[in-house]
Amino acid sequence: MKGLRRLGSATVLTGLGVAGLFVVWSAYDPTESRLAITLGTVLPSFLAIALVGAGLWVLLTDELDERTATRMLEWSGAGMAGIGTLGGLALFLQREGYVIDQPVFVLTSTVVCGALAGFGIGFYEVWTEQQREELEREREKLDHLNRLLRHHLLNGMNILLAKVELARDRTDDPQVGDDLRDARLRGEEIVTLVEQVSTIAGPDNEPPSEIDLPRLLRAEAEQLRATHADAAVSVAEPLPDVTVRSSPALGEAVNALLQDALAASGRATLSAALDGDGVVVNVTVPGQTTPDGGDQLLGGVGSDVGLSVADVLVERAGGELESGAADGSVSIYIETI
């Protein structure tokens, strides 16, 4: 059984539409011109029928609950009061001696138009609220999955990597040692991938702030040197002394691109240059060439995922990511302060 508030809302909307149809057709005069009939009878009739349909939809649909149905009726009442005031003005002028043909028709038409306009606004508000609630539910599911992924998969991979390292220490077979080293590298790539995906799946609630770009780039390079060879990440000095307004996602994006380059060849070059009102940060894999002689675009295992992660992070940081340059670099453009 439908709720009383839904039934009441549907009754009011449908009743207004039926009353509008009755008034409109009671004023119908077949001797009028086609334009007068269209504006005075046909168009108001369609509006009244639309209001009747709106009332029936409120009654029959499963998309509305009691609260949202009432909210749509409130919007219809607001529209009816607002636009219907014009019709009330017509009745007032009639009493003051002004001659207005069929003032009741004018009042009814404006009330129907107002109710229908308010219903449209209410429908849009209810629809956007439902979409927002659905997105929030999906976000909660994604956050829960993200936590499970980080907890179980990362813990399992860390144990697996520790076992691989123990096995390497216990074997004297060079071939087995090489295989275990490759297994460890692949495991570290999986850990990095999970951390990157978890980063972009998390909430984006970091406020922008002023960031010393050279310090940020050198810090990201130094962080990776701690886990790779000192020559693995090189910084092309001098870096432009600029400040940008961004979020921590900028450093995460640079880190993702460097990680991707290191996975491709074990080396990466980080550089930056001024470009108009902004600065371009370039990450390049040195020594690899494309058919046209330029450095190869970041490649290797997981490069597509790495670029996708970096693209999301750069967008969060307020910049733009570009790839496929002639020199094989992947670039981040961000405006300077």
Protein backbone atom coordinates (compact mmCIF):
# COMPACT_ATOMS: atom_id res chain seq x y z
CA MET A 1 0.00 0.00 0.00
CA LYS A 2 1.31 3.40 -0.92
CA GLY A 3 2.10 5.79 1.91
CA LEU A 4 -0.42 8.45 2.85
CA ARG A 5 1.97 11.29 2.02
CA ARG A 6 2.68 9.85 -1.41
CA LEU A 7 -1.03 9.35 -1.99
CA GLY A 8 -1.77 12.89 -0.86
CA SER A 9 0.95 14.36 -3.09
CA ALA A 10 -0.29 12.43 -6.10
CA THR A 11 -3.90 13.45 -5.38
CA VAL A 12 -3.05 17.15 -5.17
CA LEU A 13 -1.01 17.15 -8.39
CA THR A 14 -3.54 15.08 -10.33
CA GLY A 15 -6.45 17.15 -8.99
CA LEU A 16 -4.80 20.40 -10.08
CA GLY A 17 -4.24 18.96 -13.54
CA VAL A 18 -7.84 17.75 -13.90
CA ALA A 19 -9.19 21.07 -12.61
CA GLY A 20 -6.98 22.89 -15.09
CA LEU A 21 -8.31 20.78 -17.97
CA PHE A 22 -11.89 21.45 -16.90
CA VAL A 23 -11.38 25.22 -16.72
CA VAL A 24 -9.44 25.36 -20.00
CA TRP A 25 -12.06 23.47 -22.00
CA SER A 26 -14.94 25.30 -20.36
CA ALA A 27 -13.49 28.48 -21.88
CA TYR A 28 -12.98 26.94 -25.32
CA ASP A 29 -14.47 29.02 -28.15
CA PRO A 30 -14.31 27.40 -31.61
CA THR A 31 -14.86 30.79 -33.30
CA GLU A 32 -11.46 32.09 -32.16
CA SER A 33 -8.42 32.17 -34.40
CA ARG A 34 -6.02 29.24 -34.61
CA LEU A 35 -3.40 31.17 -32.66
CA ALA A 36 -5.87 31.97 -29.90
CA ILE A 37 -7.01 28.33 -29.71
CA THR A 38 -3.38 27.13 -29.62
CA LEU A 39 -2.33 29.51 -26.87
CA GLY A 40 -5.58 29.50 -24.94
CA THR A 41 -6.64 25.86 -25.20
CA VAL A 42 -4.11 23.44 -26.71
CA LEU A 43 -0.99 24.57 -24.86
CA PRO A 44 -2.67 24.88 -21.43
CA SER A 45 -4.25 21.47 -21.99
CA PHE A 46 -0.87 19.84 -22.55
CA LEU A 47 0.44 21.48 -19.39
CA ALA A 48 -2.54 20.25 -17.38
CA ILE A 49 -2.17 16.73 -18.81
CA ALA A 50 1.54 16.81 -17.90
CA LEU A 51 0.58 17.71 -14.33
CA VAL A 52 -1.89 14.81 -14.22
CA GLY A 53 0.89 12.52 -15.48
CA ALA A 54 3.23 13.86 -12.81
CA GLY A 55 0.70 13.00 -10.11
CA LEU A 56 0.18 9.49 -11.46
CA TRP A 57 3.97 8.98 -11.64
CA VAL A 58 4.35 10.01 -7.99
CA LEU A 59 1.66 7.48 -7.09
CA LEU A 60 2.91 4.54 -9.14
CA THR A 61 6.69 4.84 -9.27
CA ASP A 62 9.00 2.87 -7.01
CA GLU A 63 11.70 5.55 -7.25
CA LEU A 64 10.25 7.78 -4.53
CA ASP A 65 9.79 7.34 -0.81
CA GLU A 66 7.52 9.33 1.50
CA ARG A 67 10.03 12.10 2.11
CA THR A 68 10.98 12.70 -1.52
CA ALA A 69 7.35 12.61 -2.66
CA THR A 70 6.47 15.24 -0.09
CA ARG A 71 9.49 17.30 -1.14
CA MET A 72 8.29 17.35 -4.73
CA LEU A 73 4.83 18.44 -3.61
CA GLU A 74 6.43 21.27 -1.62
CA TRP A 75 8.29 22.46 -4.70
CA SER A 76 5.05 22.27 -6.70
CA GLY A 77 3.31 24.35 -4.05
CA ALA A 78 6.11 26.91 -4.15
CA GLY A 79 5.91 27.16 -7.92
CA MET A 80 2.13 27.37 -7.80
CA ALA A 81 2.29 30.18 -5.24
CA GLY A 82 5.00 32.05 -7.13
CA ILE A 83 3.65 31.93 -10.66
CA GLY A 84 0.02 31.73 -9.52
CA THR A 85 0.46 35.16 -7.96
CA LEU A 86 0.27 36.53 -11.49
CA GLY A 87 -3.16 35.00 -11.89
CA GLY A 88 -4.20 36.41 -8.53
CA LEU A 89 -3.08 39.81 -9.76
CA ALA A 90 -5.46 39.42 -12.69
CA LEU A 91 -8.38 38.85 -10.32
CA PHE A 92 -7.36 41.85 -8.25
CA LEU A 93 -7.24 44.08 -11.32
CA GLN A 94 -10.66 42.76 -12.35
CA ARG A 95 -12.06 43.93 -9.02
CA GLU A 96 -10.43 47.33 -9.46
CA GLY A 97 -12.34 47.91 -12.70
CA TYR A 98 -9.87 46.66 -15.30
CA VAL A 99 -11.48 44.51 -17.96
CA ILE A 100 -9.77 41.12 -18.22
CA ASP A 101 -11.39 38.36 -20.25
CA GLN A 102 -11.86 35.13 -18.29
CA PRO A 103 -9.82 35.93 -15.16
CA VAL A 104 -10.56 32.48 -13.69
CA PHE A 105 -8.96 30.92 -16.77
CA VAL A 106 -5.89 33.13 -16.31
CA LEU A 107 -5.64 32.18 -12.64
CA THR A 108 -6.01 28.45 -13.30
CA SER A 109 -3.49 28.46 -16.12
CA THR A 110 -0.86 30.24 -14.06
CA VAL A 111 -1.45 27.94 -11.10
CA VAL A 112 -1.04 24.86 -13.33
CA CYS A 113 2.10 26.29 -14.92
CA GLY A 114 3.54 27.12 -11.52
CA ALA A 115 2.77 23.69 -10.10
CA LEU A 116 4.32 21.98 -13.12
CA ALA A 117 7.43 24.18 -12.97
CA GLY A 118 7.81 23.50 -9.25
CA PHE A 119 7.37 19.78 -9.86
CA GLY A 120 10.17 19.90 -12.44
CA ILE A 121 12.48 21.62 -9.97
CA GLY A 122 11.55 19.14 -7.25
CA PHE A 123 12.11 16.22 -9.60
CA TYR A 124 15.58 17.50 -10.45
CA GLU A 125 16.43 18.01 -6.78
CA VAL A 126 15.25 14.53 -5.82
CA TRP A 127 17.08 12.95 -8.76
CA THR A 128 20.38 14.67 -7.97
CA GLU A 129 20.06 13.71 -4.30
CA GLN A 130 19.50 10.08 -5.24
CA GLN A 131 22.53 10.18 -7.57
CA ARG A 132 24.63 11.71 -4.80
CA GLU A 133 23.55 9.03 -2.33
CA GLU A 134 24.32 6.31 -4.88
CA LEU A 135 27.80 7.75 -5.50
CA GLU A 136 28.40 7.89 -1.76
CA ARG A 137 27.42 4.24 -1.40
CA GLU A 138 29.78 3.29 -4.25
CA ARG A 139 32.55 5.32 -2.62
CA GLU A 140 32.05 3.49 0.67
CA LYS A 141 32.25 0.14 -1.13
CA LEU A 142 35.42 1.24 -2.92
CA ASP A 143 37.00 2.44 0.32
CA HIS A 144 36.18 -0.88 1.98
CA LEU A 145 37.67 -2.82 -0.94
CA ASN A 146 40.71 -0.55 -0.85
CA ARG A 147 41.29 -1.29 2.83
CA LEU A 148 40.93 -5.04 2.26
CA LEU A 149 43.31 -4.88 -0.69
CA ARG A 150 45.97 -2.99 1.22
CA HIS A 151 45.69 -5.13 4.34
CA HIS A 152 45.53 -8.65 2.92
CA LEU A 153 47.44 -8.34 -0.34
CA LEU A 154 50.24 -6.13 0.95
CA ASN A 155 50.73 -8.22 4.08
CA GLY A 156 50.78 -11.38 2.00
CA MET A 157 53.23 -9.92 -0.51
CA ASN A 158 55.56 -8.68 2.23
CA ILE A 159 55.66 -12.17 3.74
CA LEU A 160 56.25 -13.66 0.30
CA LEU A 161 59.11 -11.24 -0.43
CA ALA A 162 60.71 -12.05 2.92
CA LYS A 163 60.52 -15.78 2.12
CA VAL A 164 62.07 -15.15 -1.31
CA GLU A 165 64.95 -13.25 0.29
CA LEU A 166 65.54 -16.07 2.78
CA ALA A 167 65.55 -18.59 -0.06
CA ARG A 168 68.14 -16.51 -1.95
CA ASP A 169 70.41 -16.54 1.11
CA ARG A 170 70.14 -20.32 1.41
CA THR A 171 70.91 -21.31 -2.18
CA ASP A 172 74.26 -21.55 -3.93
CA ASP A 173 72.76 -22.26 -7.34
CA PRO A 174 73.28 -19.13 -9.53
CA GLN A 175 70.28 -19.95 -11.72
CA VAL A 176 67.99 -20.34 -8.73
CA GLY A 177 69.39 -17.11 -7.30
CA ASP A 178 68.61 -15.26 -10.53
CA ASP A 179 65.09 -16.67 -10.61
CA LEU A 180 64.50 -15.64 -7.01
CA ARG A 181 65.84 -12.16 -7.76
CA ASP A 182 63.40 -11.83 -10.67
CA ALA A 183 60.59 -13.08 -8.43
CA ARG A 184 61.47 -10.44 -5.85
CA LEU A 185 61.49 -7.69 -8.49
CA ARG A 186 58.08 -8.74 -9.77
CA GLY A 187 56.76 -8.91 -6.22
CA GLU A 188 58.03 -5.40 -5.50
CA GLU A 189 56.30 -4.19 -8.68
CA ILE A 190 53.03 -5.69 -7.42
CA VAL A 191 53.45 -3.99 -4.04
CA THR A 192 54.13 -0.67 -5.79
CA LEU A 193 51.10 -1.14 -8.04
CA VAL A 194 48.80 -1.90 -5.10
CA GLU A 195 50.07 1.17 -3.24
CA GLN A 196 49.54 3.37 -6.32
CA VAL A 197 46.03 2.07 -6.97
CA SER A 198 45.19 2.50 -3.29
CA THR A 199 46.43 6.07 -3.49
CA ILE A 200 44.11 7.05 -6.32
CA ALA A 201 41.21 5.06 -4.83
CA GLY A 202 41.46 6.98 -1.57
CA PRO A 203 39.61 10.23 -0.90
CA ASP A 204 40.89 13.40 -2.51
CA ASN A 205 40.60 15.79 0.41
CA GLU A 206 44.06 17.35 0.58
CA PRO A 207 43.81 21.15 0.26
CA PRO A 208 46.19 22.89 -2.18
CA SER A 209 49.17 24.74 -0.80
CA GLU A 210 52.31 26.49 -1.99
CA ILE A 211 55.00 23.95 -2.90
CA ASP A 212 58.70 24.57 -3.56
CA LEU A 213 58.99 22.59 -6.79
CA PRO A 214 62.80 22.02 -6.86
CA ARG A 215 62.73 20.78 -3.26
CA LEU A 216 59.84 18.44 -4.06
CA LEU A 217 61.55 16.95 -7.12
CA ARG A 218 64.87 16.43 -5.35
CA ALA A 219 63.08 14.81 -2.39
CA GLU A 220 61.25 12.35 -4.65
CA ALA A 221 64.49 11.44 -6.43
CA GLU A 222 66.33 11.01 -3.11
CA GLN A 223 63.56 8.81 -1.75
CA LEU A 224 63.91 6.37 -4.65
CA ARG A 225 67.71 6.40 -4.45
CA ALA A 226 67.33 4.92 -0.97
CA THR A 227 65.88 1.73 -2.44
CA HIS A 228 67.72 1.72 -5.80
CA ALA A 229 71.22 2.38 -6.99
CA ASP A 230 72.45 5.94 -6.50
CA ALA A 231 72.65 6.43 -10.27
CA ALA A 232 69.18 4.99 -10.88
CA VAL A 233 67.46 8.38 -10.67
CA SER A 234 69.31 11.40 -12.01
CA VAL A 235 68.17 15.00 -11.71
CA ALA A 236 69.03 17.39 -14.54
CA GLU A 237 70.32 20.46 -12.73
CA PRO A 238 69.73 23.31 -12.48
CA LEU A 239 66.03 23.07 -11.72
CA PRO A 240 64.00 26.30 -12.10
CA ASP A 241 63.49 28.04 -8.77
CA VAL A 242 59.68 28.25 -8.83
CA THR A 243 56.77 27.77 -6.47
CA VAL A 244 53.54 26.10 -7.53
CA ARG A 245 50.15 25.88 -5.85
CA SER A 246 49.25 22.22 -5.73
CA SER A 247 48.51 19.29 -3.41
CA PRO A 248 50.58 16.31 -2.20
CA ALA A 249 49.23 14.46 -5.25
CA LEU A 250 51.90 16.23 -7.32
CA GLY A 251 54.72 14.44 -5.49
CA GLU A 252 52.80 11.17 -5.71
CA ALA A 253 52.45 11.63 -9.48
CA VAL A 254 56.17 12.28 -9.92
CA ASN A 255 56.92 9.23 -7.78
CA ALA A 256 54.57 7.07 -9.88
CA LEU A 257 56.27 8.12 -13.12
CA LEU A 258 59.74 7.53 -11.69
CA GLN A 259 58.69 4.12 -10.40
CA ASP A 260 57.36 3.30 -13.85
CA ALA A 261 60.59 4.36 -15.51
CA LEU A 262 62.65 2.31 -13.04
CA ALA A 263 60.48 -0.72 -13.70
CA ALA A 264 61.10 -0.27 -17.43
CA SER A 265 64.89 0.06 -17.45
CA GLY A 266 66.20 0.57 -13.95
CA ARG A 267 67.00 4.22 -14.66
CA ALA A 268 65.11 7.49 -14.90
CA THR A 269 65.95 11.12 -15.56
CA LEU A 270 64.02 13.93 -13.88
CA SER A 271 64.13 17.46 -15.27
CA ALA A 272 62.05 20.65 -15.30
CA ALA A 273 61.84 23.80 -17.42
CA LEU A 274 59.80 26.98 -17.43
CA ASP A 275 57.04 27.15 -20.04
CA GLY A 276 55.09 30.42 -20.22
CA ASP A 277 53.07 30.85 -17.04
CA GLY A 278 53.92 27.36 -15.85
CA VAL A 279 56.61 24.76 -15.50
CA VAL A 280 57.01 21.39 -17.21
CA VAL A 281 58.37 18.45 -15.23
CA ASN A 282 59.80 15.69 -17.47
CA VAL A 283 60.48 12.05 -16.63
CA THR A 284 62.51 10.16 -19.24
CA VAL A 285 63.93 6.67 -19.60
CA PRO A 286 67.44 7.30 -20.93
CA GLY A 287 69.25 5.11 -23.41
CA GLN A 288 66.24 3.46 -25.04
CA THR A 289 65.38 4.56 -28.55
CA THR A 290 62.31 4.54 -30.73
CA PRO A 291 62.42 3.90 -34.51
CA ASP A 292 62.78 7.64 -35.11
CA GLY A 293 65.82 7.79 -32.85
CA GLY A 294 64.25 9.40 -29.80
CA ASP A 295 64.08 7.98 -26.30
CA GLN A 296 61.35 5.41 -25.85
CA LEU A 297 58.19 6.32 -23.98
CA LEU A 298 58.04 4.82 -20.51
CA GLY A 299 57.62 1.11 -21.14
CA GLY A 300 58.04 -2.20 -19.39
CA VAL A 301 55.76 -4.16 -17.13
CA GLY A 302 52.84 -2.10 -15.81
CA SER A 303 53.69 1.06 -17.75
CA ASP A 304 50.10 1.60 -18.87
CA VAL A 305 48.91 1.29 -15.28
CA GLY A 306 51.67 3.61 -14.08
CA LEU A 307 50.68 6.27 -16.58
CA SER A 308 47.01 5.88 -15.68
CA VAL A 309 47.79 6.29 -11.98
CA ALA A 310 49.96 9.33 -12.68
CA ASP A 311 47.24 10.85 -14.86
CA VAL A 312 44.70 10.68 -12.02
CA LEU A 313 47.19 12.10 -9.53
CA VAL A 314 48.23 14.93 -11.84
CA GLU A 315 44.58 15.89 -12.33
CA ARG A 316 44.15 15.99 -8.55
CA ALA A 317 47.24 18.17 -8.33
CA GLY A 318 45.73 20.67 -10.77
CA GLY A 319 48.12 19.92 -13.64
CA GLU A 320 48.11 18.21 -17.02
CA LEU A 321 49.89 15.02 -18.07
CA GLU A 322 51.31 14.64 -21.58
CA SER A 323 53.03 11.62 -23.11
CA GLY A 324 54.25 10.53 -26.51
CA ALA A 325 56.75 13.38 -26.98
CA ALA A 326 59.48 13.06 -29.61
CA ASP A 327 62.14 12.65 -26.93
CA GLY A 328 60.17 9.92 -25.19
CA SER A 329 59.47 11.91 -22.04
CA VAL A 330 56.31 12.01 -19.99
CA SER A 331 55.54 15.56 -18.88
CA ILE A 332 53.58 17.23 -16.12
CA TYR A 333 52.55 20.82 -16.76
CA ILE A 334 51.49 22.93 -13.80
CA GLU A 335 51.09 26.68 -13.43
CA THR A 336 53.49 28.62 -11.24
CA ILE A 337 52.54 31.22 -8.65
